[in-house]
Structure formats: C-alpha cells, structure tokens
Amino acid sequence: MKLSFTEISTISLTLFAVIDILGALPIIIGMRQKNAHIDSGWATVAAGILMVLFLLIGEKLLGLFGIDVSSFAVAGSIVIFIIAIEMILGIDLFRHDPHEKTGSIVPIAFPIIAGSGTLTTIISLKAIYTFENILLGILFNLMFVYIALKSTGFIERILGKPGLLLIRKFFGIVLLAIAVKLFKTNF
C-alpha cells in the first residue's frame, strides 16, 4: 500500500470539483424548499457505494466491452470538459428531470453526487493513481458531501445566490483544467 498525501490531495480536489456539491446546493436547496425529504446520510452512503463499486469493478466492466482504461479516460475527459462548460456558462447540456421527487437516492445520490462525471473521473483516475489513494479521496469527499447536505440551510444563508454561483464558476474552471490534463495524459 503506497499512500501519498500529494496524490490523495489531487484526487480529493478533482472529485470535489466533479461532484460539485457546492454547485449542486441550489438544486438541493430547491428540493428541500418544495418539501422533498432528503436523508443526508442515506444519500451519502448510496453515492459512496456506487463510487466504490465502480472503483472496484469499473475496469472489469469496461473489459467486457473491449474498452481499455486510457480510451475510457479520454472519453471521460470529454464528459468532464462538457460538465465544466455547463458550470462556467450556466447552461444545461445534460438534462435533469425537474419533476423528480424521489429525494435521497434519485437525484441526490445519483446523478448529482455519483453521476456520470464522477464515475468517469474515478475510472480515469485509476489510469494515473493508486487504488488506496483514490479510495481515500472518495471517502474525504463523502464526508464533505454529508456535511454539505446537512448544512444546506446554513450554507444558503452564508453564501447567498451570488456566492453559490461564484463557487460553481470557479470549480468549472478547475474542472476544465482537469479535463485537459486527463486528455493529455491518456491520448
């Protein structure tokens, strides 16, 4: 087992930008305002299970389709690039169902926390970093996700709409740089 603080930090920040729980707070706050019950613990656990399962079997699943990790990483970098463009420009290319009212699992755990961008990033990170460091990066993010979900009311009061928008755009730029790096590394 080779733990690296640098790798864990990079992985954690990458997943933090992709998960973008702060950028998703307006959606989550809106759901809570519409009286949709969100179980922060269950949403976090469900998202964690999806991420860890994909970390464990994602590569084997790709192998069933004859896809190597580098090709998936390049495809993933394109998806991450598109998500970053959405965040920066404030547009929606991936459609979300605004009428979905199931709460904790859909759409919070999947696709907001452990969506296609997150799962793509996890398998892409496997092409560069060790399993243990990725797992720790996932766990650090899950702790932050849980705290953010539990603190939505407080965060909304502190940041306000302009603050949430600023954070979303900033992490969009970070995510764009990550997408370019993943593309360059695996192309």
N, C-alpha and C. Protein backbone atom coordinates (compact mmCIF):
# COMPACT_ATOMS: atom_id res chain seq x y z
N MET A 1 0.85 -1.17 0.00
CA MET A 1 0.00 0.00 0.00
C MET A 1 0.90 1.23 0.00
N LYS A 2 0.73 2.08 -1.01
CA LYS A 2 1.55 3.29 -1.13
C LYS A 2 0.65 4.52 -1.02
N LEU A 3 0.58 5.08 0.19
CA LEU A 3 -0.22 6.28 0.41
C LEU A 3 0.63 7.50 0.09
N SER A 4 0.03 8.44 -0.62
CA SER A 4 0.72 9.67 -0.98
C SER A 4 -0.21 10.85 -0.69
N PHE A 5 0.26 11.73 0.19
CA PHE A 5 -0.54 12.91 0.53
C PHE A 5 -0.82 13.75 -0.71
N THR A 6 0.17 13.87 -1.58
CA THR A 6 0.01 14.66 -2.81
C THR A 6 -1.07 14.04 -3.70
N GLU A 7 -0.99 12.71 -3.89
CA GLU A 7 -1.99 12.04 -4.72
C GLU A 7 -3.39 12.15 -4.10
N ILE A 8 -3.48 11.91 -2.81
CA ILE A 8 -4.78 11.98 -2.13
C ILE A 8 -5.37 13.38 -2.26
N SER A 9 -4.52 14.40 -2.11
CA SER A 9 -4.99 15.79 -2.25
C SER A 9 -5.49 16.06 -3.66
N THR A 10 -4.71 15.65 -4.65
CA THR A 10 -5.10 15.87 -6.06
C THR A 10 -6.40 15.14 -6.38
N ILE A 11 -6.49 13.89 -5.96
CA ILE A 11 -7.70 13.09 -6.20
C ILE A 11 -8.89 13.72 -5.50
N SER A 12 -8.70 14.11 -4.25
CA SER A 12 -9.80 14.71 -3.47
C SER A 12 -10.29 15.99 -4.13
N LEU A 13 -9.37 16.84 -4.55
CA LEU A 13 -9.77 18.10 -5.19
C LEU A 13 -10.43 17.85 -6.54
N THR A 14 -9.92 16.86 -7.27
CA THR A 14 -10.52 16.52 -8.57
C THR A 14 -11.96 16.05 -8.37
N LEU A 15 -12.15 15.12 -7.44
CA LEU A 15 -13.52 14.62 -7.18
C LEU A 15 -14.40 15.72 -6.62
N PHE A 16 -13.84 16.59 -5.78
CA PHE A 16 -14.61 17.69 -5.23
C PHE A 16 -15.14 18.59 -6.35
N ALA A 17 -14.28 18.86 -7.33
CA ALA A 17 -14.70 19.70 -8.46
C ALA A 17 -15.75 18.99 -9.31
N VAL A 18 -15.58 17.68 -9.54
CA VAL A 18 -16.52 16.95 -10.38
C VAL A 18 -17.86 16.76 -9.68
N ILE A 19 -17.80 16.34 -8.42
CA ILE A 19 -19.05 16.15 -7.67
C ILE A 19 -19.78 17.49 -7.54
N ASP A 20 -19.02 18.55 -7.31
CA ASP A 20 -19.54 19.91 -7.25
C ASP A 20 -20.76 20.02 -6.34
N ILE A 21 -20.60 19.51 -5.12
CA ILE A 21 -21.72 19.55 -4.18
C ILE A 21 -22.11 20.99 -3.88
N LEU A 22 -21.15 21.90 -3.85
CA LEU A 22 -21.48 23.31 -3.61
C LEU A 22 -22.28 23.88 -4.78
N GLY A 23 -21.89 23.50 -6.00
CA GLY A 23 -22.62 23.95 -7.17
C GLY A 23 -24.01 23.34 -7.27
N ALA A 24 -24.17 22.15 -6.67
CA ALA A 24 -25.46 21.48 -6.68
C ALA A 24 -26.38 21.96 -5.57
N LEU A 25 -25.83 22.74 -4.63
CA LEU A 25 -26.63 23.20 -3.50
C LEU A 25 -27.90 23.95 -3.92
N PRO A 26 -27.86 24.78 -4.96
CA PRO A 26 -29.13 25.41 -5.36
C PRO A 26 -30.21 24.40 -5.73
N ILE A 27 -29.83 23.29 -6.37
CA ILE A 27 -30.80 22.24 -6.72
C ILE A 27 -31.31 21.57 -5.44
N ILE A 28 -30.39 21.25 -4.54
CA ILE A 28 -30.74 20.57 -3.30
C ILE A 28 -31.60 21.46 -2.41
N ILE A 29 -31.22 22.73 -2.32
CA ILE A 29 -32.00 23.69 -1.52
C ILE A 29 -33.40 23.84 -2.11
N GLY A 30 -33.49 23.88 -3.43
CA GLY A 30 -34.80 23.96 -4.09
C GLY A 30 -35.66 22.76 -3.79
N MET A 31 -35.05 21.58 -3.76
CA MET A 31 -35.81 20.36 -3.43
C MET A 31 -36.31 20.41 -1.99
N ARG A 32 -35.47 20.87 -1.09
CA ARG A 32 -35.88 20.96 0.32
C ARG A 32 -37.00 21.99 0.48
N GLN A 33 -36.95 23.07 -0.29
CA GLN A 33 -37.98 24.10 -0.20
C GLN A 33 -39.32 23.59 -0.71
N LYS A 34 -39.28 22.59 -1.60
CA LYS A 34 -40.52 22.01 -2.12
C LYS A 34 -40.99 20.85 -1.25
N ASN A 35 -40.48 20.81 -0.02
CA ASN A 35 -40.85 19.80 0.97
C ASN A 35 -40.45 18.38 0.60
N ALA A 36 -39.46 18.23 -0.28
CA ALA A 36 -38.95 16.89 -0.57
C ALA A 36 -38.01 16.50 0.55
N HIS A 37 -38.23 15.34 1.13
CA HIS A 37 -37.37 14.88 2.22
C HIS A 37 -36.06 14.35 1.64
N ILE A 38 -34.96 14.84 2.16
CA ILE A 38 -33.65 14.37 1.75
C ILE A 38 -32.95 13.83 2.98
N ASP A 39 -32.66 12.54 2.97
CA ASP A 39 -31.93 11.91 4.05
C ASP A 39 -30.45 12.02 3.71
N SER A 40 -29.75 12.95 4.36
CA SER A 40 -28.35 13.23 4.05
C SER A 40 -27.46 11.99 4.20
N GLY A 41 -27.70 11.23 5.26
CA GLY A 41 -26.89 10.03 5.50
C GLY A 41 -27.09 8.98 4.43
N TRP A 42 -28.34 8.70 4.11
CA TRP A 42 -28.65 7.67 3.11
C TRP A 42 -28.15 8.10 1.73
N ALA A 43 -28.31 9.36 1.37
CA ALA A 43 -27.82 9.85 0.08
C ALA A 43 -26.31 9.70 -0.02
N THR A 44 -25.60 10.00 1.06
CA THR A 44 -24.15 9.90 1.08
C THR A 44 -23.70 8.44 0.97
N VAL A 45 -24.34 7.56 1.74
CA VAL A 45 -23.98 6.13 1.71
C VAL A 45 -24.25 5.54 0.32
N ALA A 46 -25.41 5.84 -0.24
CA ALA A 46 -25.75 5.30 -1.57
C ALA A 46 -24.76 5.78 -2.62
N ALA A 47 -24.40 7.06 -2.59
CA ALA A 47 -23.42 7.58 -3.54
C ALA A 47 -22.06 6.92 -3.33
N GLY A 48 -21.69 6.72 -2.06
CA GLY A 48 -20.42 6.07 -1.76
C GLY A 48 -20.36 4.64 -2.27
N ILE A 49 -21.44 3.92 -2.11
CA ILE A 49 -21.50 2.54 -2.61
C ILE A 49 -21.31 2.53 -4.12
N LEU A 50 -21.99 3.41 -4.82
CA LEU A 50 -21.84 3.48 -6.28
C LEU A 50 -20.39 3.79 -6.67
N MET A 51 -19.77 4.75 -6.00
CA MET A 51 -18.41 5.14 -6.35
C MET A 51 -17.41 4.02 -6.06
N VAL A 52 -17.52 3.39 -4.91
CA VAL A 52 -16.59 2.32 -4.55
C VAL A 52 -16.79 1.11 -5.46
N LEU A 53 -18.03 0.76 -5.76
CA LEU A 53 -18.28 -0.35 -6.69
C LEU A 53 -17.67 -0.07 -8.06
N PHE A 54 -17.80 1.16 -8.51
CA PHE A 54 -17.24 1.50 -9.81
C PHE A 54 -15.72 1.49 -9.75
N LEU A 55 -15.16 1.89 -8.62
CA LEU A 55 -13.70 1.82 -8.44
C LEU A 55 -13.24 0.37 -8.49
N LEU A 56 -14.00 -0.54 -7.88
CA LEU A 56 -13.62 -1.95 -7.81
C LEU A 56 -13.84 -2.69 -9.13
N ILE A 57 -14.99 -2.50 -9.76
CA ILE A 57 -15.32 -3.31 -10.94
C ILE A 57 -15.45 -2.52 -12.23
N GLY A 58 -15.25 -1.22 -12.17
CA GLY A 58 -15.40 -0.40 -13.37
C GLY A 58 -14.50 -0.85 -14.51
N GLU A 59 -13.26 -1.18 -14.17
CA GLU A 59 -12.30 -1.60 -15.20
C GLU A 59 -12.70 -2.95 -15.82
N LYS A 60 -13.17 -3.87 -14.98
CA LYS A 60 -13.62 -5.18 -15.48
C LYS A 60 -14.85 -5.01 -16.37
N LEU A 61 -15.74 -4.11 -15.95
CA LEU A 61 -16.92 -3.84 -16.75
C LEU A 61 -16.52 -3.30 -18.12
N LEU A 62 -15.55 -2.41 -18.14
CA LEU A 62 -15.05 -1.90 -19.42
C LEU A 62 -14.47 -3.01 -20.27
N GLY A 63 -13.74 -3.93 -19.61
CA GLY A 63 -13.13 -5.05 -20.33
C GLY A 63 -14.16 -5.91 -21.04
N LEU A 64 -15.34 -6.04 -20.43
CA LEU A 64 -16.41 -6.81 -21.08
C LEU A 64 -16.80 -6.20 -22.43
N PHE A 65 -16.63 -4.89 -22.53
CA PHE A 65 -16.96 -4.19 -23.78
C PHE A 65 -15.74 -3.97 -24.66
N GLY A 66 -14.58 -4.48 -24.24
CA GLY A 66 -13.35 -4.34 -25.02
C GLY A 66 -12.77 -2.93 -25.00
N ILE A 67 -13.01 -2.21 -23.92
CA ILE A 67 -12.53 -0.83 -23.82
C ILE A 67 -11.40 -0.77 -22.80
N ASP A 68 -10.27 -0.17 -23.19
CA ASP A 68 -9.17 -0.02 -22.24
C ASP A 68 -9.34 1.26 -21.42
N VAL A 69 -8.64 1.31 -20.28
CA VAL A 69 -8.79 2.43 -19.35
C VAL A 69 -8.39 3.76 -19.98
N SER A 70 -7.33 3.76 -20.80
CA SER A 70 -6.90 5.02 -21.44
C SER A 70 -7.98 5.57 -22.37
N SER A 71 -8.62 4.71 -23.13
CA SER A 71 -9.69 5.16 -24.02
C SER A 71 -10.87 5.70 -23.21
N PHE A 72 -11.20 4.99 -22.12
CA PHE A 72 -12.27 5.45 -21.26
C PHE A 72 -11.90 6.79 -20.62
N ALA A 73 -10.62 6.94 -20.25
CA ALA A 73 -10.16 8.19 -19.64
C ALA A 73 -10.28 9.35 -20.61
N VAL A 74 -9.95 9.11 -21.89
CA VAL A 74 -10.10 10.17 -22.90
C VAL A 74 -11.58 10.51 -23.07
N ALA A 75 -12.43 9.47 -23.17
CA ALA A 75 -13.87 9.73 -23.27
C ALA A 75 -14.37 10.46 -22.03
N GLY A 76 -13.87 10.03 -20.87
CA GLY A 76 -14.26 10.68 -19.62
C GLY A 76 -13.81 12.13 -19.56
N SER A 77 -12.63 12.42 -20.10
CA SER A 77 -12.16 13.81 -20.10
C SER A 77 -13.08 14.68 -20.94
N ILE A 78 -13.64 14.12 -21.99
CA ILE A 78 -14.58 14.88 -22.83
C ILE A 78 -15.87 15.16 -22.05
N VAL A 79 -16.37 14.15 -21.32
CA VAL A 79 -17.57 14.34 -20.50
C VAL A 79 -17.30 15.39 -19.43
N ILE A 80 -16.15 15.28 -18.76
CA ILE A 80 -15.78 16.25 -17.73
C ILE A 80 -15.66 17.65 -18.32
N PHE A 81 -15.11 17.74 -19.53
CA PHE A 81 -14.99 19.02 -20.23
C PHE A 81 -16.37 19.64 -20.43
N ILE A 82 -17.33 18.82 -20.86
CA ILE A 82 -18.69 19.32 -21.09
C ILE A 82 -19.34 19.78 -19.79
N ILE A 83 -19.14 19.00 -18.71
CA ILE A 83 -19.68 19.41 -17.40
C ILE A 83 -19.08 20.74 -16.98
N ALA A 84 -17.77 20.91 -17.20
CA ALA A 84 -17.11 22.17 -16.86
C ALA A 84 -17.69 23.33 -17.66
N ILE A 85 -17.95 23.12 -18.93
CA ILE A 85 -18.56 24.17 -19.77
C ILE A 85 -19.93 24.53 -19.23
N GLU A 86 -20.71 23.52 -18.82
CA GLU A 86 -22.01 23.79 -18.21
C GLU A 86 -21.87 24.70 -16.98
N MET A 87 -20.91 24.35 -16.14
CA MET A 87 -20.71 25.11 -14.90
C MET A 87 -20.28 26.54 -15.19
N ILE A 88 -19.37 26.70 -16.12
CA ILE A 88 -18.82 28.03 -16.42
C ILE A 88 -19.86 28.91 -17.11
N LEU A 89 -20.56 28.35 -18.08
CA LEU A 89 -21.50 29.14 -18.87
C LEU A 89 -22.91 29.17 -18.30
N GLY A 90 -23.18 28.32 -17.30
CA GLY A 90 -24.51 28.30 -16.69
C GLY A 90 -25.58 27.75 -17.62
N ILE A 91 -25.20 26.76 -18.44
CA ILE A 91 -26.15 26.13 -19.35
C ILE A 91 -26.32 24.67 -18.97
N ASP A 92 -27.39 24.03 -19.42
CA ASP A 92 -27.62 22.62 -19.16
C ASP A 92 -27.59 21.85 -20.46
N LEU A 93 -26.53 21.07 -20.65
CA LEU A 93 -26.45 20.18 -21.80
C LEU A 93 -26.99 18.80 -21.43
N PHE A 94 -26.69 18.37 -20.19
CA PHE A 94 -27.25 17.13 -19.67
C PHE A 94 -28.57 17.48 -19.02
N ARG A 95 -29.61 16.83 -19.42
CA ARG A 95 -30.94 17.17 -18.93
C ARG A 95 -31.25 16.47 -17.61
N HIS A 96 -31.83 17.23 -16.69
CA HIS A 96 -32.30 16.69 -15.42
C HIS A 96 -33.81 16.81 -15.40
N ASP A 97 -34.49 15.83 -14.81
CA ASP A 97 -35.94 15.88 -14.73
C ASP A 97 -36.34 16.77 -13.55
N PRO A 98 -36.87 17.97 -13.82
CA PRO A 98 -37.23 18.87 -12.72
C PRO A 98 -38.42 18.38 -11.90
N HIS A 99 -39.14 17.38 -12.39
CA HIS A 99 -40.32 16.88 -11.68
C HIS A 99 -40.01 15.67 -10.80
N GLU A 100 -38.75 15.24 -10.80
CA GLU A 100 -38.34 14.09 -9.99
C GLU A 100 -38.46 14.42 -8.51
N LYS A 101 -39.18 13.59 -7.74
CA LYS A 101 -39.42 13.90 -6.33
C LYS A 101 -39.02 12.74 -5.42
N THR A 102 -38.12 11.86 -5.89
CA THR A 102 -37.79 10.71 -5.07
C THR A 102 -36.78 11.02 -3.99
N GLY A 103 -36.14 12.17 -4.01
CA GLY A 103 -35.33 12.63 -2.89
C GLY A 103 -33.93 12.11 -2.80
N SER A 104 -33.67 11.29 -1.79
CA SER A 104 -32.32 10.97 -1.39
C SER A 104 -31.50 10.20 -2.43
N ILE A 105 -32.09 9.17 -3.04
CA ILE A 105 -31.31 8.37 -3.99
C ILE A 105 -31.29 9.04 -5.35
N VAL A 106 -32.44 9.25 -5.94
CA VAL A 106 -32.54 9.94 -7.23
C VAL A 106 -33.25 11.25 -6.97
N PRO A 107 -32.69 12.37 -7.26
CA PRO A 107 -31.46 12.63 -7.99
C PRO A 107 -30.25 12.97 -7.13
N ILE A 108 -30.35 12.93 -5.78
CA ILE A 108 -29.22 13.37 -4.96
C ILE A 108 -28.03 12.41 -5.07
N ALA A 109 -28.18 11.14 -4.65
CA ALA A 109 -27.06 10.19 -4.70
C ALA A 109 -26.64 9.94 -6.14
N PHE A 110 -27.61 9.72 -7.01
CA PHE A 110 -27.36 9.53 -8.43
C PHE A 110 -28.42 10.31 -9.20
N PRO A 111 -28.08 11.24 -10.01
CA PRO A 111 -26.79 11.53 -10.62
C PRO A 111 -26.04 12.74 -10.05
N ILE A 112 -26.57 13.43 -9.02
CA ILE A 112 -25.89 14.65 -8.58
C ILE A 112 -24.53 14.34 -7.95
N ILE A 113 -24.47 13.41 -7.00
CA ILE A 113 -23.20 13.12 -6.33
C ILE A 113 -22.39 12.10 -7.14
N ALA A 114 -22.96 10.95 -7.40
CA ALA A 114 -22.25 9.88 -8.12
C ALA A 114 -22.82 9.74 -9.51
N GLY A 115 -22.74 10.78 -10.26
CA GLY A 115 -23.25 10.75 -11.63
C GLY A 115 -22.21 10.30 -12.63
N SER A 116 -22.52 10.47 -13.90
CA SER A 116 -21.61 10.01 -14.95
C SER A 116 -20.25 10.70 -14.87
N GLY A 117 -20.24 11.97 -14.53
CA GLY A 117 -18.97 12.68 -14.42
C GLY A 117 -18.10 12.11 -13.31
N THR A 118 -18.71 11.83 -12.15
CA THR A 118 -17.97 11.28 -11.02
C THR A 118 -17.45 9.89 -11.33
N LEU A 119 -18.30 9.03 -11.87
CA LEU A 119 -17.89 7.66 -12.17
C LEU A 119 -16.83 7.64 -13.27
N THR A 120 -16.97 8.50 -14.25
CA THR A 120 -15.97 8.61 -15.31
C THR A 120 -14.65 9.08 -14.73
N THR A 121 -14.71 10.03 -13.83
CA THR A 121 -13.49 10.54 -13.21
C THR A 121 -12.80 9.46 -12.40
N ILE A 122 -13.56 8.67 -11.66
CA ILE A 122 -12.97 7.61 -10.84
C ILE A 122 -12.21 6.61 -11.71
N ILE A 123 -12.81 6.16 -12.80
CA ILE A 123 -12.12 5.20 -13.66
C ILE A 123 -10.94 5.88 -14.36
N SER A 124 -11.07 7.16 -14.69
CA SER A 124 -9.96 7.88 -15.32
C SER A 124 -8.79 8.04 -14.35
N LEU A 125 -9.10 8.30 -13.08
CA LEU A 125 -8.05 8.45 -12.08
C LEU A 125 -7.27 7.15 -11.87
N LYS A 126 -7.95 6.00 -12.09
CA LYS A 126 -7.27 4.71 -11.95
C LYS A 126 -6.14 4.56 -12.95
N ALA A 127 -6.18 5.30 -14.05
CA ALA A 127 -5.11 5.23 -15.04
C ALA A 127 -3.86 5.95 -14.55
N ILE A 128 -3.98 6.77 -13.50
CA ILE A 128 -2.86 7.58 -13.03
C ILE A 128 -2.47 7.27 -11.59
N TYR A 129 -3.46 7.04 -10.70
CA TYR A 129 -3.20 6.96 -9.26
C TYR A 129 -3.49 5.56 -8.71
N THR A 130 -3.01 5.32 -7.48
CA THR A 130 -3.20 4.01 -6.85
C THR A 130 -4.62 3.88 -6.27
N PHE A 131 -5.05 2.62 -6.15
CA PHE A 131 -6.38 2.30 -5.64
C PHE A 131 -6.61 2.91 -4.26
N GLU A 132 -5.65 2.73 -3.35
CA GLU A 132 -5.79 3.20 -1.97
C GLU A 132 -5.98 4.71 -1.90
N ASN A 133 -5.20 5.44 -2.71
CA ASN A 133 -5.29 6.90 -2.70
C ASN A 133 -6.63 7.37 -3.27
N ILE A 134 -7.12 6.68 -4.29
CA ILE A 134 -8.43 7.03 -4.85
C ILE A 134 -9.52 6.76 -3.82
N LEU A 135 -9.44 5.62 -3.14
CA LEU A 135 -10.43 5.27 -2.12
C LEU A 135 -10.46 6.33 -1.01
N LEU A 136 -9.30 6.77 -0.55
CA LEU A 136 -9.25 7.81 0.47
C LEU A 136 -9.82 9.13 -0.06
N GLY A 137 -9.52 9.45 -1.32
CA GLY A 137 -10.09 10.65 -1.93
C GLY A 137 -11.61 10.59 -1.98
N ILE A 138 -12.15 9.42 -2.30
CA ILE A 138 -13.61 9.23 -2.31
C ILE A 138 -14.17 9.43 -0.90
N LEU A 139 -13.52 8.82 0.09
CA LEU A 139 -14.01 8.93 1.47
C LEU A 139 -13.98 10.37 1.98
N PHE A 140 -12.92 11.11 1.68
CA PHE A 140 -12.85 12.52 2.08
C PHE A 140 -13.99 13.31 1.45
N ASN A 141 -14.28 13.03 0.18
CA ASN A 141 -15.36 13.73 -0.49
C ASN A 141 -16.72 13.36 0.08
N LEU A 142 -16.90 12.10 0.44
CA LEU A 142 -18.17 11.68 1.03
C LEU A 142 -18.41 12.38 2.36
N MET A 143 -17.35 12.55 3.14
CA MET A 143 -17.50 13.29 4.41
C MET A 143 -17.94 14.72 4.13
N PHE A 144 -17.33 15.35 3.13
CA PHE A 144 -17.69 16.72 2.80
C PHE A 144 -19.12 16.80 2.26
N VAL A 145 -19.49 15.83 1.43
CA VAL A 145 -20.85 15.78 0.88
C VAL A 145 -21.86 15.68 2.01
N TYR A 146 -21.60 14.81 2.97
CA TYR A 146 -22.53 14.64 4.09
C TYR A 146 -22.68 15.95 4.87
N ILE A 147 -21.55 16.58 5.17
CA ILE A 147 -21.59 17.86 5.90
C ILE A 147 -22.35 18.91 5.09
N ALA A 148 -22.11 18.98 3.78
CA ALA A 148 -22.79 19.96 2.93
C ALA A 148 -24.29 19.70 2.90
N LEU A 149 -24.68 18.42 2.76
CA LEU A 149 -26.10 18.10 2.73
C LEU A 149 -26.78 18.45 4.04
N LYS A 150 -26.11 18.19 5.15
CA LYS A 150 -26.67 18.50 6.47
C LYS A 150 -26.74 20.01 6.72
N SER A 151 -25.89 20.77 6.02
CA SER A 151 -25.76 22.21 6.29
C SER A 151 -26.36 23.10 5.21
N THR A 152 -27.27 22.57 4.40
CA THR A 152 -27.77 23.37 3.27
C THR A 152 -28.39 24.69 3.70
N GLY A 153 -29.15 24.68 4.77
CA GLY A 153 -29.78 25.92 5.23
C GLY A 153 -28.74 26.95 5.64
N PHE A 154 -27.77 26.52 6.40
CA PHE A 154 -26.70 27.41 6.85
C PHE A 154 -25.89 27.95 5.67
N ILE A 155 -25.52 27.07 4.74
CA ILE A 155 -24.72 27.47 3.57
C ILE A 155 -25.49 28.47 2.72
N GLU A 156 -26.78 28.23 2.55
CA GLU A 156 -27.61 29.14 1.76
C GLU A 156 -27.62 30.54 2.38
N ARG A 157 -27.74 30.60 3.69
CA ARG A 157 -27.75 31.91 4.36
C ARG A 157 -26.39 32.61 4.24
N ILE A 158 -25.32 31.89 4.39
CA ILE A 158 -23.97 32.48 4.39
C ILE A 158 -23.57 32.95 2.99
N LEU A 159 -23.71 32.10 1.98
CA LEU A 159 -23.22 32.42 0.64
C LEU A 159 -24.22 33.22 -0.20
N GLY A 160 -25.47 32.93 -0.04
CA GLY A 160 -26.47 33.56 -0.90
C GLY A 160 -26.33 33.06 -2.33
N LYS A 161 -27.24 33.48 -3.19
CA LYS A 161 -27.19 33.04 -4.59
C LYS A 161 -25.91 33.48 -5.30
N PRO A 162 -25.47 34.74 -5.12
CA PRO A 162 -24.24 35.15 -5.81
C PRO A 162 -23.02 34.32 -5.38
N GLY A 163 -22.92 34.01 -4.11
CA GLY A 163 -21.79 33.21 -3.62
C GLY A 163 -21.80 31.80 -4.18
N LEU A 164 -22.98 31.18 -4.23
CA LEU A 164 -23.09 29.84 -4.79
C LEU A 164 -22.74 29.84 -6.28
N LEU A 165 -23.15 30.87 -6.99
CA LEU A 165 -22.84 31.00 -8.41
C LEU A 165 -21.34 31.17 -8.63
N LEU A 166 -20.70 31.97 -7.81
CA LEU A 166 -19.25 32.20 -7.91
C LEU A 166 -18.49 30.90 -7.69
N ILE A 167 -18.87 30.14 -6.68
CA ILE A 167 -18.21 28.87 -6.40
C ILE A 167 -18.38 27.90 -7.56
N ARG A 168 -19.57 27.85 -8.12
CA ARG A 168 -19.83 26.96 -9.25
C ARG A 168 -18.95 27.31 -10.45
N LYS A 169 -18.81 28.59 -10.74
CA LYS A 169 -17.99 29.01 -11.89
C LYS A 169 -16.51 28.74 -11.63
N PHE A 170 -16.05 29.00 -10.41
CA PHE A 170 -14.65 28.75 -10.08
C PHE A 170 -14.32 27.27 -10.26
N PHE A 171 -15.16 26.37 -9.72
CA PHE A 171 -14.89 24.96 -9.86
C PHE A 171 -15.09 24.47 -11.30
N GLY A 172 -15.85 25.20 -12.09
CA GLY A 172 -15.96 24.90 -13.51
C GLY A 172 -14.62 25.08 -14.22
N ILE A 173 -13.91 26.15 -13.88
CA ILE A 173 -12.60 26.41 -14.47
C ILE A 173 -11.60 25.33 -14.02
N VAL A 174 -11.63 24.99 -12.74
CA VAL A 174 -10.74 23.94 -12.22
C VAL A 174 -11.03 22.62 -12.94
N LEU A 175 -12.30 22.30 -13.11
CA LEU A 175 -12.69 21.07 -13.78
C LEU A 175 -12.25 21.07 -15.24
N LEU A 176 -12.33 22.20 -15.90
CA LEU A 176 -11.88 22.31 -17.29
C LEU A 176 -10.39 21.98 -17.39
N ALA A 177 -9.59 22.51 -16.47
CA ALA A 177 -8.16 22.23 -16.46
C ALA A 177 -7.90 20.74 -16.21
N ILE A 178 -8.68 20.13 -15.32
CA ILE A 178 -8.54 18.70 -15.03
C ILE A 178 -8.86 17.88 -16.28
N ALA A 179 -9.91 18.26 -17.00
CA ALA A 179 -10.28 17.55 -18.22
C ALA A 179 -9.16 17.61 -19.25
N VAL A 180 -8.54 18.76 -19.40
CA VAL A 180 -7.44 18.91 -20.35
C VAL A 180 -6.26 18.02 -19.92
N LYS A 181 -5.97 18.00 -18.62
CA LYS A 181 -4.86 17.17 -18.11
C LYS A 181 -5.13 15.69 -18.36
N LEU A 182 -6.35 15.21 -18.06
CA LEU A 182 -6.69 13.82 -18.30
C LEU A 182 -6.58 13.47 -19.78
N PHE A 183 -7.01 14.37 -20.64
CA PHE A 183 -6.94 14.13 -22.08
C PHE A 183 -5.48 14.01 -22.53
N LYS A 184 -4.65 14.97 -22.10
CA LYS A 184 -3.23 14.96 -22.48
C LYS A 184 -2.51 13.72 -21.97
N THR A 185 -2.82 13.31 -20.74
CA THR A 185 -2.15 12.17 -20.13
C THR A 185 -2.49 10.86 -20.83
N ASN A 186 -3.69 10.72 -21.32
CA ASN A 186 -4.15 9.44 -21.86
C ASN A 186 -4.26 9.38 -23.38
N PHE A 187 -4.01 10.46 -24.06
CA PHE A 187 -4.18 10.47 -25.53
C PHE A 187 -2.94 9.98 -26.22
